């Protein structure tokens, strides 16, 4: 009788552990956001900074055409970091937008840039 109870308890613990593992794995998601180019010029680069002082290039491929919107996925290396970042657009003529501070953890985020 004692063995049977221990078996049920062990099975229950395993079931709970597997359920928690599956829920944890499926709860992870990509931090997605959209960039809308409201200018008359192509955005050729995005610059990102956690502090608004030192910027690094955020890869946007061949750029974002004037009037277009592009969905981007934040790099997984930032998953445990701050959600608030500063983002600047670099346009085809080399000019830069003012920095936009945003929370990339926000669902359905759209960052807009004008020249």
N, C-alpha and C. Protein backbone atom coordinates (compact mmCIF):
# COMPACT_ATOMS: atom_id res chain seq x y z
N UNK A 1 0.83 -1.19 0.00
CA UNK A 1 0.00 0.00 0.00
C UNK A 1 0.87 1.26 0.00
N UNK A 2 1.93 1.25 0.83
CA UNK A 2 2.85 2.39 0.92
C UNK A 2 3.56 2.61 -0.42
N UNK A 3 3.96 1.51 -1.08
CA UNK A 3 4.62 1.60 -2.39
C UNK A 3 3.70 2.22 -3.42
N UNK A 4 2.44 1.84 -3.38
CA UNK A 4 1.46 2.34 -4.33
C UNK A 4 1.27 3.85 -4.16
N UNK A 5 1.19 4.31 -2.91
CA UNK A 5 1.05 5.74 -2.63
C UNK A 5 2.29 6.52 -3.08
N UNK A 6 3.46 5.96 -2.81
CA UNK A 6 4.70 6.61 -3.23
C UNK A 6 4.77 6.70 -4.76
N UNK A 7 4.32 5.68 -5.44
CA UNK A 7 4.29 5.69 -6.90
C UNK A 7 3.37 6.78 -7.43
N UNK A 8 2.20 6.93 -6.79
CA UNK A 8 1.25 7.96 -7.21
C UNK A 8 1.82 9.36 -6.95
N UNK A 9 2.48 9.52 -5.82
CA UNK A 9 3.08 10.82 -5.50
C UNK A 9 4.19 11.15 -6.51
N UNK A 10 5.03 10.16 -6.80
CA UNK A 10 6.11 10.36 -7.76
C UNK A 10 5.55 10.70 -9.14
N UNK A 11 4.50 9.98 -9.55
CA UNK A 11 3.88 10.25 -10.85
C UNK A 11 3.28 11.67 -10.87
N UNK A 12 2.68 12.07 -9.76
CA UNK A 12 2.12 13.42 -9.66
C UNK A 12 3.19 14.48 -9.77
N UNK A 13 4.32 14.27 -9.10
CA UNK A 13 5.42 15.24 -9.16
C UNK A 13 5.97 15.33 -10.58
N UNK A 14 6.13 14.21 -11.24
CA UNK A 14 6.63 14.20 -12.61
C UNK A 14 5.66 14.93 -13.54
N UNK A 15 4.37 14.68 -13.36
CA UNK A 15 3.36 15.34 -14.19
C UNK A 15 3.41 16.86 -14.01
N UNK A 16 3.49 17.30 -12.76
CA UNK A 16 3.57 18.74 -12.48
C UNK A 16 4.84 19.33 -13.09
N UNK A 17 5.96 18.64 -12.93
CA UNK A 17 7.23 19.14 -13.47
C UNK A 17 7.17 19.26 -14.99
N UNK A 18 6.60 18.26 -15.66
CA UNK A 18 6.49 18.32 -17.12
C UNK A 18 5.56 19.45 -17.55
N UNK A 19 4.46 19.63 -16.84
CA UNK A 19 3.51 20.70 -17.17
C UNK A 19 4.18 22.06 -17.03
N UNK A 20 4.92 22.26 -15.94
CA UNK A 20 5.62 23.53 -15.73
C UNK A 20 6.66 23.76 -16.83
N UNK A 21 7.38 22.70 -17.21
CA UNK A 21 8.38 22.82 -18.28
C UNK A 21 7.74 23.23 -19.60
N UNK A 22 6.64 22.60 -19.94
CA UNK A 22 5.95 22.92 -21.20
C UNK A 22 5.43 24.35 -21.15
N UNK A 23 4.81 24.74 -20.06
CA UNK A 23 4.30 26.12 -19.95
C UNK A 23 5.42 27.13 -20.03
N UNK A 24 6.55 26.84 -19.40
CA UNK A 24 7.68 27.76 -19.45
C UNK A 24 8.22 27.88 -20.87
N UNK A 25 8.34 26.77 -21.56
CA UNK A 25 8.87 26.78 -22.93
C UNK A 25 7.94 27.53 -23.87
N UNK A 26 6.63 27.36 -23.70
CA UNK A 26 5.70 28.01 -24.61
C UNK A 26 5.44 29.46 -24.24
N UNK A 27 5.84 29.89 -23.03
CA UNK A 27 5.59 31.28 -22.64
C UNK A 27 6.66 32.21 -23.19
N UNK A 28 7.78 31.68 -23.62
CA UNK A 28 8.83 32.52 -24.21
C UNK A 28 8.36 33.01 -25.58
N UNK A 29 8.64 34.27 -25.88
CA UNK A 29 8.24 34.81 -27.17
C UNK A 29 9.29 35.80 -27.63
N UNK A 30 9.22 36.10 -28.90
CA UNK A 30 10.12 37.10 -29.45
C UNK A 30 9.57 38.47 -29.13
N UNK A 31 10.47 39.38 -28.82
CA UNK A 31 10.08 40.78 -28.63
C UNK A 31 10.01 41.41 -30.01
N UNK A 32 8.82 41.58 -30.50
CA UNK A 32 8.59 42.13 -31.84
C UNK A 32 8.09 43.56 -31.73
N UNK A 33 8.47 44.36 -32.70
CA UNK A 33 7.94 45.71 -32.79
C UNK A 33 7.99 46.13 -34.25
N UNK A 34 7.25 47.18 -34.56
CA UNK A 34 7.22 47.68 -35.93
C UNK A 34 7.84 49.06 -35.97
N UNK A 35 8.49 49.33 -37.09
CA UNK A 35 9.02 50.67 -37.36
C UNK A 35 8.29 51.19 -38.59
N UNK A 36 7.68 52.35 -38.43
CA UNK A 36 6.96 52.98 -39.54
C UNK A 36 7.75 54.21 -39.97
N UNK A 37 8.11 54.24 -41.23
CA UNK A 37 8.87 55.36 -41.80
C UNK A 37 7.89 56.39 -42.37
N UNK A 38 7.65 57.45 -41.61
CA UNK A 38 6.72 58.50 -42.05
C UNK A 38 7.42 59.60 -42.85
N UNK A 39 8.69 59.40 -43.14
CA UNK A 39 9.45 60.42 -43.87
C UNK A 39 9.33 60.21 -45.38
N UNK A 40 9.96 61.10 -46.12
CA UNK A 40 10.03 60.98 -47.58
C UNK A 40 11.33 60.35 -48.04
N UNK A 41 12.10 59.83 -47.08
CA UNK A 41 13.42 59.28 -47.38
C UNK A 41 13.53 57.87 -46.79
N UNK A 42 14.29 57.02 -47.45
CA UNK A 42 14.50 55.65 -46.97
C UNK A 42 15.30 55.66 -45.67
N UNK A 43 14.90 54.83 -44.72
CA UNK A 43 15.71 54.60 -43.52
C UNK A 43 16.72 53.52 -43.88
N UNK A 44 17.99 53.85 -43.75
CA UNK A 44 19.04 52.90 -44.12
C UNK A 44 19.60 52.14 -42.92
N UNK A 45 19.46 52.74 -41.72
CA UNK A 45 19.96 52.10 -40.49
C UNK A 45 19.09 52.50 -39.32
N UNK A 46 19.06 51.63 -38.32
CA UNK A 46 18.52 51.99 -37.02
C UNK A 46 19.65 51.87 -36.02
N UNK A 47 19.70 52.81 -35.10
CA UNK A 47 20.69 52.80 -34.05
C UNK A 47 19.97 52.62 -32.72
N UNK A 48 20.44 51.68 -31.89
CA UNK A 48 19.79 51.37 -30.61
C UNK A 48 20.77 51.59 -29.47
N UNK A 49 20.21 52.06 -28.34
CA UNK A 49 21.02 52.32 -27.15
C UNK A 49 20.20 52.09 -25.89
N UNK A 50 20.78 51.40 -24.91
CA UNK A 50 20.04 51.22 -23.66
C UNK A 50 20.04 52.49 -22.79
N UNK A 51 21.01 53.37 -23.01
CA UNK A 51 21.14 54.56 -22.15
C UNK A 51 21.00 55.89 -22.89
N UNK A 52 20.86 55.85 -24.21
CA UNK A 52 20.74 57.08 -24.99
C UNK A 52 22.07 57.77 -25.24
N UNK A 53 23.17 57.11 -24.89
CA UNK A 53 24.50 57.72 -25.07
C UNK A 53 25.33 56.99 -26.12
N UNK A 54 25.45 55.70 -25.98
CA UNK A 54 26.27 54.90 -26.88
C UNK A 54 25.34 54.02 -27.72
N UNK A 55 25.37 54.21 -29.05
CA UNK A 55 24.45 53.52 -29.95
C UNK A 55 25.16 52.42 -30.75
N UNK A 56 24.42 51.37 -31.05
CA UNK A 56 24.91 50.28 -31.90
C UNK A 56 23.90 50.09 -33.03
N UNK A 57 24.34 49.51 -34.11
CA UNK A 57 23.47 49.30 -35.27
C UNK A 57 22.50 48.14 -35.01
N UNK A 58 21.23 48.38 -35.31
CA UNK A 58 20.19 47.36 -35.25
C UNK A 58 19.95 46.96 -36.71
N UNK A 59 20.19 45.71 -37.03
CA UNK A 59 20.12 45.24 -38.42
C UNK A 59 18.70 45.33 -38.97
N UNK A 60 18.55 46.08 -40.08
CA UNK A 60 17.25 46.18 -40.77
C UNK A 60 17.37 45.77 -42.23
N UNK A 61 18.39 45.00 -42.53
CA UNK A 61 18.55 44.52 -43.91
C UNK A 61 18.80 45.66 -44.88
N UNK A 62 18.00 45.72 -45.94
CA UNK A 62 18.19 46.72 -46.99
C UNK A 62 17.52 48.05 -46.68
N UNK A 63 16.89 48.16 -45.51
CA UNK A 63 16.30 49.44 -45.11
C UNK A 63 14.79 49.42 -45.14
N UNK A 64 14.22 50.57 -44.80
CA UNK A 64 12.77 50.74 -44.74
C UNK A 64 12.40 51.90 -45.67
N UNK A 65 11.68 51.60 -46.72
CA UNK A 65 11.31 52.61 -47.72
C UNK A 65 10.42 53.68 -47.10
N UNK A 66 10.42 54.86 -47.71
CA UNK A 66 9.55 55.96 -47.27
C UNK A 66 8.11 55.48 -47.28
N UNK A 67 7.40 55.71 -46.18
CA UNK A 67 6.00 55.32 -46.07
C UNK A 67 5.77 53.87 -45.67
N UNK A 68 6.82 53.07 -45.61
CA UNK A 68 6.68 51.64 -45.32
C UNK A 68 6.78 51.36 -43.82
N UNK A 69 6.29 50.18 -43.46
CA UNK A 69 6.39 49.69 -42.09
C UNK A 69 7.06 48.34 -42.13
N UNK A 70 8.00 48.12 -41.20
CA UNK A 70 8.72 46.84 -41.14
C UNK A 70 8.61 46.28 -39.73
N UNK A 71 8.32 44.98 -39.64
CA UNK A 71 8.32 44.33 -38.33
C UNK A 71 9.72 43.81 -38.04
N UNK A 72 10.19 44.08 -36.83
CA UNK A 72 11.53 43.67 -36.42
C UNK A 72 11.43 42.82 -35.16
N UNK A 73 12.42 41.97 -34.96
CA UNK A 73 12.49 41.13 -33.76
C UNK A 73 13.75 41.49 -33.01
N UNK A 74 13.56 41.81 -31.75
CA UNK A 74 14.70 42.18 -30.89
C UNK A 74 15.54 40.94 -30.66
N UNK A 75 16.85 41.10 -30.60
CA UNK A 75 17.78 40.00 -30.42
C UNK A 75 17.55 39.31 -29.06
N UNK A 76 17.59 37.99 -29.05
CA UNK A 76 17.35 37.23 -27.82
C UNK A 76 18.37 37.53 -26.73
N UNK A 77 19.54 38.05 -27.08
CA UNK A 77 20.55 38.36 -26.07
C UNK A 77 20.08 39.46 -25.12
N UNK A 78 19.04 40.20 -25.51
CA UNK A 78 18.52 41.28 -24.66
C UNK A 78 17.34 40.83 -23.81
N UNK A 79 16.94 39.56 -23.89
CA UNK A 79 15.75 39.08 -23.18
C UNK A 79 15.78 39.35 -21.67
N UNK A 80 16.93 39.30 -21.07
CA UNK A 80 17.03 39.52 -19.62
C UNK A 80 17.46 40.94 -19.29
N UNK A 81 17.47 41.80 -20.28
CA UNK A 81 17.90 43.18 -20.07
C UNK A 81 16.73 44.13 -19.89
N UNK A 82 17.05 45.39 -19.94
CA UNK A 82 16.06 46.44 -19.82
C UNK A 82 15.11 46.42 -21.01
N UNK A 83 13.87 46.76 -20.78
CA UNK A 83 12.90 46.85 -21.88
C UNK A 83 12.94 48.23 -22.53
N UNK A 84 13.38 49.24 -21.80
CA UNK A 84 13.39 50.59 -22.34
C UNK A 84 14.71 50.87 -23.06
N UNK A 85 14.59 51.28 -24.32
CA UNK A 85 15.74 51.58 -25.15
C UNK A 85 15.48 52.88 -25.91
N UNK A 86 16.55 53.41 -26.48
CA UNK A 86 16.48 54.57 -27.35
C UNK A 86 16.78 54.09 -28.76
N UNK A 87 16.04 54.61 -29.72
CA UNK A 87 16.20 54.20 -31.11
C UNK A 87 16.26 55.44 -31.98
N UNK A 88 17.21 55.46 -32.92
CA UNK A 88 17.33 56.55 -33.90
C UNK A 88 17.34 55.96 -35.29
N UNK A 89 16.78 56.70 -36.23
CA UNK A 89 16.81 56.29 -37.63
C UNK A 89 17.90 57.08 -38.35
N UNK A 90 18.59 56.41 -39.26
CA UNK A 90 19.54 57.07 -40.15
C UNK A 90 18.93 57.00 -41.54
N UNK A 91 18.81 58.16 -42.19
CA UNK A 91 18.16 58.24 -43.49
C UNK A 91 19.17 58.17 -44.62
N UNK A 92 18.68 58.00 -45.83
CA UNK A 92 19.52 57.82 -47.02
C UNK A 92 20.53 58.96 -47.21
N UNK A 93 20.17 60.18 -46.79
CA UNK A 93 21.08 61.31 -46.95
C UNK A 93 22.09 61.42 -45.80
N UNK A 94 22.06 60.46 -44.85
CA UNK A 94 23.00 60.46 -43.74
C UNK A 94 22.48 61.18 -42.49
N UNK A 95 21.36 61.87 -42.60
CA UNK A 95 20.81 62.57 -41.44
C UNK A 95 20.22 61.56 -40.46
N UNK A 96 20.15 61.96 -39.19
CA UNK A 96 19.60 61.10 -38.15
C UNK A 96 18.36 61.74 -37.54
N UNK A 97 17.43 60.90 -37.14
CA UNK A 97 16.24 61.39 -36.44
C UNK A 97 16.61 61.69 -34.99
N UNK A 98 15.72 62.37 -34.30
CA UNK A 98 15.86 62.50 -32.87
C UNK A 98 15.66 61.11 -32.27
N UNK A 99 16.30 60.82 -31.15
CA UNK A 99 16.09 59.50 -30.54
C UNK A 99 14.68 59.36 -29.99
N UNK A 100 14.13 58.16 -30.12
CA UNK A 100 12.82 57.83 -29.56
C UNK A 100 13.04 56.81 -28.46
N UNK A 101 12.59 57.14 -27.24
CA UNK A 101 12.69 56.18 -26.14
C UNK A 101 11.42 55.35 -26.15
N UNK A 102 11.58 54.02 -26.07
CA UNK A 102 10.42 53.14 -26.13
C UNK A 102 10.65 51.90 -25.30
N UNK A 103 9.58 51.19 -25.04
CA UNK A 103 9.60 49.94 -24.27
C UNK A 103 9.36 48.80 -25.25
N UNK A 104 10.44 48.07 -25.61
CA UNK A 104 10.28 47.03 -26.62
C UNK A 104 9.57 45.79 -26.08
N UNK A 105 9.30 45.74 -24.78
CA UNK A 105 8.51 44.64 -24.21
C UNK A 105 7.01 44.87 -24.42
N UNK A 106 6.66 46.09 -24.82
CA UNK A 106 5.25 46.45 -25.04
C UNK A 106 4.70 45.67 -26.23
N UNK A 107 3.53 45.13 -26.07
CA UNK A 107 2.89 44.36 -27.15
C UNK A 107 2.37 45.34 -28.21
N UNK A 108 2.50 44.96 -29.47
CA UNK A 108 2.01 45.74 -30.61
C UNK A 108 2.64 47.13 -30.71
N UNK A 109 3.89 47.24 -30.33
CA UNK A 109 4.61 48.51 -30.37
C UNK A 109 4.89 48.92 -31.82
N UNK A 110 4.63 50.19 -32.13
CA UNK A 110 4.99 50.76 -33.42
C UNK A 110 5.79 52.03 -33.13
N UNK A 111 7.02 52.08 -33.63
CA UNK A 111 7.87 53.27 -33.49
C UNK A 111 7.83 53.99 -34.83
N UNK A 112 7.50 55.28 -34.81
CA UNK A 112 7.40 56.06 -36.05
C UNK A 112 8.55 57.06 -36.13
N UNK A 113 9.08 57.22 -37.33
CA UNK A 113 10.14 58.19 -37.57
C UNK A 113 9.77 59.12 -38.70
N UNK A 114 10.05 60.41 -38.48
CA UNK A 114 9.94 61.42 -39.53
C UNK A 114 11.30 62.05 -39.68
N UNK A 115 11.59 62.57 -40.81
CA UNK A 115 12.92 63.14 -41.07
C UNK A 115 13.09 64.47 -40.39
